[in-house]
C-alpha cells in the first residue's frame, strides 16, 4: 500500500513520543501490505474496525491511540484521516473526520 499523509503521523509522534514505535511499526506494515478488500485488513489486524466510506480504525499502543485511514483498495492507497488519543477519537465522527 502507498501511505498518504505521513507528515501528520510524524508530527503526532513528536507530541506523543511514547507512540512513536507503534506508529512507525504500523507504517512499515502498511507499506508491505496488499489490501484488496476489508477482509485483508481484518486478517492482519483483528482489532481494526471497518467503517463505511472505506474507512478503517486502527488501535495503536494497546488502544491508547486511534488511527483512522481511508483505503482506496483498487489503487493501493491508504489515506490518513485522523490520529489521536482515545479521548480525542471519542470526540470526532470517525466517518467524516478530516484532521490531516
N, C-alpha and C. Protein backbone atom coordinates (compact mmCIF):
# COMPACT_ATOMS: atom_id res chain seq x y z
N UNK A 1 0.85 -1.18 0.00
CA UNK A 1 0.00 0.00 0.00
C UNK A 1 0.89 1.24 0.00
N UNK A 2 0.40 2.25 -0.66
CA UNK A 2 1.09 3.54 -0.64
C UNK A 2 0.45 4.36 0.48
N UNK A 3 1.24 4.78 1.43
CA UNK A 3 0.74 5.52 2.59
C UNK A 3 0.77 7.02 2.30
N UNK A 4 -0.40 7.63 2.28
CA UNK A 4 -0.54 9.05 2.01
C UNK A 4 -0.70 9.77 3.35
N UNK A 5 -0.14 10.96 3.45
CA UNK A 5 -0.26 11.81 4.64
C UNK A 5 0.61 11.32 5.80
N UNK A 6 1.83 11.00 5.50
CA UNK A 6 2.77 10.58 6.53
C UNK A 6 3.15 11.72 7.50
N UNK A 7 3.31 12.98 7.05
CA UNK A 7 3.72 14.04 7.98
C UNK A 7 2.86 14.18 9.23
N UNK A 8 1.52 14.06 9.15
CA UNK A 8 0.74 14.15 10.40
C UNK A 8 1.10 13.05 11.40
N UNK A 9 1.41 11.87 10.88
CA UNK A 9 1.81 10.79 11.78
C UNK A 9 3.12 11.11 12.48
N UNK A 10 4.05 11.66 11.72
CA UNK A 10 5.34 12.01 12.31
C UNK A 10 5.21 13.16 13.31
N UNK A 11 4.37 14.14 13.00
CA UNK A 11 4.12 15.24 13.95
C UNK A 11 3.51 14.70 15.23
N UNK A 12 2.61 13.73 15.09
CA UNK A 12 1.97 13.14 16.25
C UNK A 12 2.99 12.46 17.15
N UNK A 13 3.99 11.81 16.57
CA UNK A 13 4.99 11.12 17.38
C UNK A 13 5.89 12.09 18.11
N UNK A 14 6.01 13.32 17.61
CA UNK A 14 6.77 14.34 18.32
C UNK A 14 6.00 14.78 19.57
N UNK A 15 4.69 14.93 19.41
CA UNK A 15 3.84 15.33 20.54
C UNK A 15 3.59 14.18 21.52
N UNK A 16 3.66 12.95 21.01
CA UNK A 16 3.41 11.75 21.83
C UNK A 16 4.54 10.75 21.57
N UNK A 17 5.73 11.01 22.14
CA UNK A 17 6.88 10.14 21.87
C UNK A 17 6.65 8.67 22.22
N UNK A 18 5.78 8.41 23.17
CA UNK A 18 5.52 7.01 23.54
C UNK A 18 4.79 6.25 22.43
N UNK A 19 4.23 6.97 21.47
CA UNK A 19 3.52 6.34 20.36
C UNK A 19 4.42 6.07 19.16
N UNK A 20 5.62 6.61 19.19
CA UNK A 20 6.50 6.55 18.01
C UNK A 20 6.74 5.13 17.51
N UNK A 21 7.09 4.23 18.37
CA UNK A 21 7.38 2.85 17.96
C UNK A 21 6.15 2.20 17.32
N UNK A 22 5.00 2.38 17.93
CA UNK A 22 3.76 1.79 17.39
C UNK A 22 3.40 2.39 16.04
N UNK A 23 3.52 3.71 15.90
CA UNK A 23 3.19 4.38 14.65
C UNK A 23 4.14 3.94 13.54
N UNK A 24 5.43 3.93 13.81
CA UNK A 24 6.40 3.53 12.79
C UNK A 24 6.24 2.07 12.40
N UNK A 25 5.95 1.21 13.36
CA UNK A 25 5.72 -0.21 13.06
C UNK A 25 4.49 -0.36 12.16
N UNK A 26 3.42 0.37 12.47
CA UNK A 26 2.21 0.32 11.66
C UNK A 26 2.51 0.80 10.23
N UNK A 27 3.25 1.90 10.10
CA UNK A 27 3.62 2.43 8.78
C UNK A 27 4.38 1.39 7.96
N UNK A 28 5.33 0.74 8.57
CA UNK A 28 6.11 -0.29 7.87
C UNK A 28 5.25 -1.46 7.43
N UNK A 29 4.33 -1.86 8.29
CA UNK A 29 3.44 -2.97 7.94
C UNK A 29 2.51 -2.60 6.79
N UNK A 30 2.01 -1.38 6.81
CA UNK A 30 1.09 -0.93 5.76
C UNK A 30 1.82 -0.84 4.42
N UNK A 31 3.02 -0.35 4.42
CA UNK A 31 3.78 -0.25 3.16
C UNK A 31 3.99 -1.62 2.51
N UNK A 32 4.08 -2.65 3.32
CA UNK A 32 4.29 -4.01 2.81
C UNK A 32 2.97 -4.71 2.45
N UNK A 33 1.86 -4.17 2.93
CA UNK A 33 0.55 -4.81 2.75
C UNK A 33 0.04 -4.66 1.32
N UNK A 34 -0.83 -5.59 0.94
CA UNK A 34 -1.52 -5.55 -0.35
C UNK A 34 -3.00 -5.81 -0.10
N UNK A 35 -3.66 -4.81 0.49
CA UNK A 35 -5.06 -4.97 0.82
C UNK A 35 -5.92 -4.75 -0.42
N UNK A 36 -6.77 -5.70 -0.72
CA UNK A 36 -7.68 -5.56 -1.86
C UNK A 36 -9.14 -5.51 -1.41
N UNK A 37 -9.35 -5.76 -0.13
CA UNK A 37 -10.71 -5.73 0.44
C UNK A 37 -10.59 -5.63 1.96
N UNK A 38 -11.66 -5.21 2.62
CA UNK A 38 -11.62 -5.07 4.07
C UNK A 38 -11.19 -6.35 4.80
N UNK A 39 -11.55 -7.49 4.27
CA UNK A 39 -11.18 -8.76 4.93
C UNK A 39 -9.67 -8.92 5.02
N UNK A 40 -8.93 -8.35 4.08
CA UNK A 40 -7.47 -8.42 4.13
C UNK A 40 -6.94 -7.66 5.35
N UNK A 41 -7.57 -6.54 5.64
CA UNK A 41 -7.15 -5.76 6.81
C UNK A 41 -7.50 -6.52 8.09
N UNK A 42 -8.70 -7.07 8.15
CA UNK A 42 -9.11 -7.82 9.34
C UNK A 42 -8.23 -9.04 9.57
N UNK A 43 -7.74 -9.64 8.50
CA UNK A 43 -6.84 -10.80 8.64
C UNK A 43 -5.51 -10.38 9.26
N UNK A 44 -5.09 -9.16 8.98
CA UNK A 44 -3.81 -8.66 9.50
C UNK A 44 -4.00 -7.98 10.85
N UNK A 45 -5.10 -7.28 11.01
CA UNK A 45 -5.39 -6.53 12.24
C UNK A 45 -6.78 -6.90 12.73
N UNK A 46 -6.87 -7.91 13.54
CA UNK A 46 -8.17 -8.40 14.02
C UNK A 46 -8.94 -7.34 14.79
N UNK A 47 -8.24 -6.43 15.45
CA UNK A 47 -8.93 -5.41 16.26
C UNK A 47 -9.32 -4.18 15.45
N UNK A 48 -8.97 -4.13 14.18
CA UNK A 48 -9.35 -2.99 13.34
C UNK A 48 -10.86 -2.96 13.17
N UNK A 49 -11.41 -1.75 13.10
CA UNK A 49 -12.85 -1.59 12.89
C UNK A 49 -13.07 -1.09 11.47
N UNK A 50 -13.86 -1.80 10.70
CA UNK A 50 -14.17 -1.41 9.33
C UNK A 50 -15.42 -0.53 9.37
N UNK A 51 -15.30 0.68 8.85
CA UNK A 51 -16.42 1.63 8.82
C UNK A 51 -16.91 1.81 7.40
N UNK A 52 -17.95 2.63 7.24
CA UNK A 52 -18.41 2.95 5.89
C UNK A 52 -17.44 3.93 5.23
N UNK A 53 -17.63 4.16 3.96
CA UNK A 53 -16.78 5.06 3.17
C UNK A 53 -15.33 4.61 3.12
N UNK A 54 -15.11 3.29 3.14
CA UNK A 54 -13.78 2.68 3.05
C UNK A 54 -12.85 3.09 4.20
N UNK A 55 -13.41 3.50 5.30
CA UNK A 55 -12.58 3.91 6.44
C UNK A 55 -12.35 2.74 7.39
N UNK A 56 -11.17 2.81 8.01
CA UNK A 56 -10.77 1.78 8.96
C UNK A 56 -10.18 2.46 10.18
N UNK A 57 -10.52 1.97 11.35
CA UNK A 57 -9.95 2.47 12.60
C UNK A 57 -8.97 1.43 13.13
N UNK A 58 -7.74 1.88 13.38
CA UNK A 58 -6.71 1.02 13.94
C UNK A 58 -6.43 1.45 15.37
N UNK A 59 -6.21 0.48 16.24
CA UNK A 59 -5.81 0.74 17.62
C UNK A 59 -4.29 0.66 17.68
N UNK A 60 -3.68 1.70 18.23
CA UNK A 60 -2.23 1.71 18.38
C UNK A 60 -1.85 1.75 19.85
N UNK A 61 -0.75 1.15 20.14
CA UNK A 61 -0.20 1.11 21.50
C UNK A 61 -1.24 0.66 22.52
N UNK A 62 -1.75 -0.52 22.30
CA UNK A 62 -2.70 -1.10 23.25
C UNK A 62 -3.98 -0.31 23.36
N UNK A 63 -4.44 0.26 22.25
CA UNK A 63 -5.68 1.03 22.19
C UNK A 63 -5.57 2.38 22.89
N UNK A 64 -4.36 2.82 23.19
CA UNK A 64 -4.18 4.15 23.78
C UNK A 64 -4.39 5.23 22.73
N UNK A 65 -4.07 4.90 21.49
CA UNK A 65 -4.20 5.84 20.37
C UNK A 65 -5.05 5.21 19.28
N UNK A 66 -5.73 6.08 18.53
CA UNK A 66 -6.58 5.62 17.43
C UNK A 66 -6.15 6.30 16.14
N UNK A 67 -6.19 5.53 15.08
CA UNK A 67 -5.79 6.00 13.76
C UNK A 67 -6.91 5.66 12.78
N UNK A 68 -7.39 6.66 12.05
CA UNK A 68 -8.43 6.45 11.05
C UNK A 68 -7.80 6.64 9.67
N UNK A 69 -8.04 5.66 8.82
CA UNK A 69 -7.47 5.66 7.48
C UNK A 69 -8.57 5.35 6.48
N UNK A 70 -8.55 6.07 5.35
CA UNK A 70 -9.43 5.73 4.23
C UNK A 70 -8.59 4.93 3.25
N UNK A 71 -9.11 3.80 2.82
CA UNK A 71 -8.35 2.90 1.95
C UNK A 71 -8.97 2.87 0.56
N UNK A 72 -8.14 3.15 -0.45
CA UNK A 72 -8.53 3.00 -1.85
C UNK A 72 -7.97 1.66 -2.30
N UNK A 73 -8.76 0.63 -2.16
CA UNK A 73 -8.30 -0.74 -2.38
C UNK A 73 -7.78 -0.97 -3.79
N UNK A 74 -8.51 -0.52 -4.80
CA UNK A 74 -8.10 -0.76 -6.19
C UNK A 74 -6.82 -0.02 -6.55
N UNK A 75 -6.63 1.17 -5.98
CA UNK A 75 -5.44 1.96 -6.28
C UNK A 75 -4.26 1.60 -5.40
N UNK A 76 -4.54 0.99 -4.25
CA UNK A 76 -3.47 0.63 -3.33
C UNK A 76 -2.98 1.80 -2.49
N UNK A 77 -3.90 2.70 -2.11
CA UNK A 77 -3.55 3.86 -1.31
C UNK A 77 -4.25 3.81 0.05
N UNK A 78 -3.55 4.25 1.07
CA UNK A 78 -4.12 4.41 2.41
C UNK A 78 -3.93 5.86 2.82
N UNK A 79 -5.04 6.56 3.04
CA UNK A 79 -5.04 7.98 3.35
C UNK A 79 -5.29 8.19 4.84
N UNK A 80 -4.36 8.79 5.53
CA UNK A 80 -4.53 9.07 6.95
C UNK A 80 -5.53 10.20 7.10
N UNK A 81 -6.57 9.96 7.90
CA UNK A 81 -7.61 10.96 8.14
C UNK A 81 -7.54 11.53 9.55
N UNK A 82 -7.05 10.73 10.49
CA UNK A 82 -7.04 11.17 11.90
C UNK A 82 -6.08 10.29 12.68
N UNK A 83 -5.37 10.91 13.60
CA UNK A 83 -4.65 10.16 14.63
C UNK A 83 -4.78 10.97 15.91
N UNK A 84 -5.05 10.27 17.00
CA UNK A 84 -5.21 10.97 18.27
C UNK A 84 -5.31 9.99 19.41
N UNK A 85 -5.45 10.56 20.58
CA UNK A 85 -5.64 9.73 21.77
C UNK A 85 -7.03 9.11 21.71
N UNK A 86 -7.25 8.16 22.55
CA UNK A 86 -8.57 7.52 22.61
C UNK A 86 -9.63 8.57 22.94
N UNK A 87 -9.33 9.47 23.85
CA UNK A 87 -10.28 10.52 24.23
C UNK A 87 -10.56 11.47 23.05
N UNK A 88 -9.54 11.83 22.30
CA UNK A 88 -9.72 12.70 21.12
C UNK A 88 -10.57 11.98 20.07
N UNK A 89 -10.33 10.70 19.90
CA UNK A 89 -11.11 9.90 18.96
C UNK A 89 -12.59 9.90 19.35
N UNK A 90 -12.87 9.79 20.63
CA UNK A 90 -14.25 9.76 21.10
C UNK A 90 -14.99 11.07 20.79
N UNK A 91 -14.25 12.15 20.56
CA UNK A 91 -14.85 13.46 20.32
C UNK A 91 -15.09 13.75 18.83
N UNK A 92 -14.71 12.84 17.93
CA UNK A 92 -14.87 13.07 16.49
C UNK A 92 -15.83 12.05 15.89
N UNK A 93 -16.28 12.35 14.69
CA UNK A 93 -17.08 11.38 13.93
C UNK A 93 -16.11 10.65 13.00
N UNK A 94 -15.86 9.40 13.28
CA UNK A 94 -14.86 8.63 12.54
C UNK A 94 -15.22 8.50 11.06
N UNK A 95 -16.48 8.66 10.72
CA UNK A 95 -16.90 8.51 9.32
C UNK A 95 -16.67 9.77 8.49
N UNK A 96 -16.42 10.90 9.15
CA UNK A 96 -16.29 12.15 8.40
C UNK A 96 -15.05 12.97 8.75
N UNK A 97 -14.37 12.65 9.81
CA UNK A 97 -13.25 13.48 10.27
C UNK A 97 -12.19 13.63 9.18
N UNK A 98 -11.64 14.84 9.08
CA UNK A 98 -10.58 15.16 8.11
C UNK A 98 -9.52 15.97 8.83
N UNK A 99 -8.80 15.36 9.74
CA UNK A 99 -7.82 16.07 10.55
C UNK A 99 -6.63 16.53 9.73
N UNK A 100 -6.24 15.74 8.76
CA UNK A 100 -5.00 15.97 8.03
C UNK A 100 -5.11 17.17 7.14
